[in-house]
C-alpha cells in the first residue's frame, strides 16, 4: 500500500502551491496561499490528516456563518479517519 505523510510538506508556504494547485487549476498560487492562511488564522487548518470532532464543528460553524450551509452535517456520518490512519502508519 502507498504510504505518504505530506502534512509537513504542505505546512511549508513555499511548497504548498505546488502540492495542491493541480486540484485548483483556476486559482492563482498566491490566492491559494491566502486561503490557507485564512484557515490557519481561524484555527480551521488541520495540522494532521485526522479530522477531530472539534475541528469539524469549527469548520461547520465557519461555513454556516458564511451562509454556505442549509444544514449542519453530522461528524460521525461524514468523517472517516481510516484513510488518515493508513497514511500515517
Protein backbone atom coordinates (compact mmCIF):
# COMPACT_ATOMS: atom_id res chain seq x y z
CA UNK A 1 0.00 0.00 0.00
CA UNK A 2 1.18 3.53 -0.80
CA UNK A 3 2.07 5.41 2.36
CA UNK A 4 2.93 9.06 2.46
CA UNK A 5 2.78 11.83 5.01
CA UNK A 6 2.61 15.11 3.10
CA UNK A 7 1.47 17.16 6.09
CA UNK A 8 4.93 18.61 6.93
CA UNK A 9 5.48 19.42 3.26
CA UNK A 10 2.08 21.06 2.92
CA UNK A 11 2.76 23.16 6.01
CA UNK A 12 5.51 25.00 4.12
CA UNK A 13 4.10 28.12 2.44
CA UNK A 14 6.64 27.84 -0.35
CA UNK A 15 5.88 24.21 -1.11
CA UNK A 16 2.14 24.39 -0.64
CA UNK A 17 1.04 25.76 -4.03
CA UNK A 18 2.94 23.10 -5.94
CA UNK A 19 1.27 20.36 -3.90
CA UNK A 20 -2.34 21.48 -4.07
CA UNK A 21 -2.53 23.69 -7.16
CA UNK A 22 -3.28 20.78 -9.54
CA UNK A 23 -6.56 20.34 -7.64
CA UNK A 24 -7.46 24.01 -8.18
CA UNK A 25 -6.11 24.93 -11.64
CA UNK A 26 -8.32 28.02 -11.91
CA UNK A 27 -6.89 29.61 -8.73
CA UNK A 28 -3.60 31.51 -8.62
CA UNK A 29 -0.94 30.19 -6.24
CA UNK A 30 -0.93 33.49 -4.35
CA UNK A 31 -4.67 33.10 -3.75
CA UNK A 32 -4.21 29.52 -2.52
CA UNK A 33 -1.64 30.74 -0.01
CA UNK A 34 -4.07 33.44 1.16
CA UNK A 35 -6.90 30.94 1.58
CA UNK A 36 -4.74 28.54 3.58
CA UNK A 37 -3.55 31.40 5.79
CA UNK A 38 -7.16 32.39 6.47
CA UNK A 39 -7.98 28.84 7.52
CA UNK A 40 -4.94 28.88 9.81
CA UNK A 41 -5.94 32.26 11.25
CA UNK A 42 -9.32 30.92 12.35
CA UNK A 43 -7.77 27.65 13.56
CA UNK A 44 -9.60 25.63 10.90
CA UNK A 45 -6.48 24.30 9.16
CA UNK A 46 -5.59 20.74 10.10
CA UNK A 47 -2.10 20.09 11.45
CA UNK A 48 -2.53 16.37 10.74
CA UNK A 49 -4.65 14.44 8.26
CA UNK A 50 -7.07 13.50 11.06
CA UNK A 51 -10.32 15.40 11.43
CA UNK A 52 -11.34 15.74 15.07
CA UNK A 53 -14.92 16.41 16.00
CA UNK A 54 -13.93 19.83 17.40
CA UNK A 55 -12.20 20.76 14.15
CA UNK A 56 -15.14 19.54 12.11
CA UNK A 57 -17.59 21.55 14.21
CA UNK A 58 -15.42 24.66 13.88
CA UNK A 59 -15.40 24.25 10.11
CA UNK A 60 -19.18 23.75 10.07
CA UNK A 61 -19.56 26.96 12.13
CA UNK A 62 -17.42 28.93 9.69
CA UNK A 63 -19.30 27.59 6.68
CA UNK A 64 -22.63 28.24 8.39
CA UNK A 65 -21.68 31.83 9.25
CA UNK A 66 -20.66 32.34 5.62
CA UNK A 67 -24.13 31.24 4.55
CA UNK A 68 -22.84 28.17 2.72
CA UNK A 69 -24.85 25.53 4.60
CA UNK A 70 -28.52 24.69 4.74
CA UNK A 71 -27.87 22.11 7.49
CA UNK A 72 -25.01 21.01 9.71
CA UNK A 73 -23.63 17.65 8.65
CA UNK A 74 -23.14 15.02 11.37
CA UNK A 75 -19.47 14.31 12.13
CA UNK A 76 -19.95 10.60 12.78
CA UNK A 77 -21.54 10.07 9.36
CA UNK A 78 -19.37 12.38 7.24
CA UNK A 79 -15.86 11.91 8.67
CA UNK A 80 -13.88 8.73 8.11
CA UNK A 81 -10.40 8.89 9.65
CA UNK A 82 -9.47 5.40 8.41
CA UNK A 83 -7.65 6.99 5.46
CA UNK A 84 -5.62 9.18 7.80
CA UNK A 85 -4.82 6.11 9.89
CA UNK A 86 -3.48 4.30 6.82
CA UNK A 87 -1.22 7.08 5.54
CA UNK A 88 0.29 7.83 8.95
CA UNK A 89 1.28 4.27 9.85
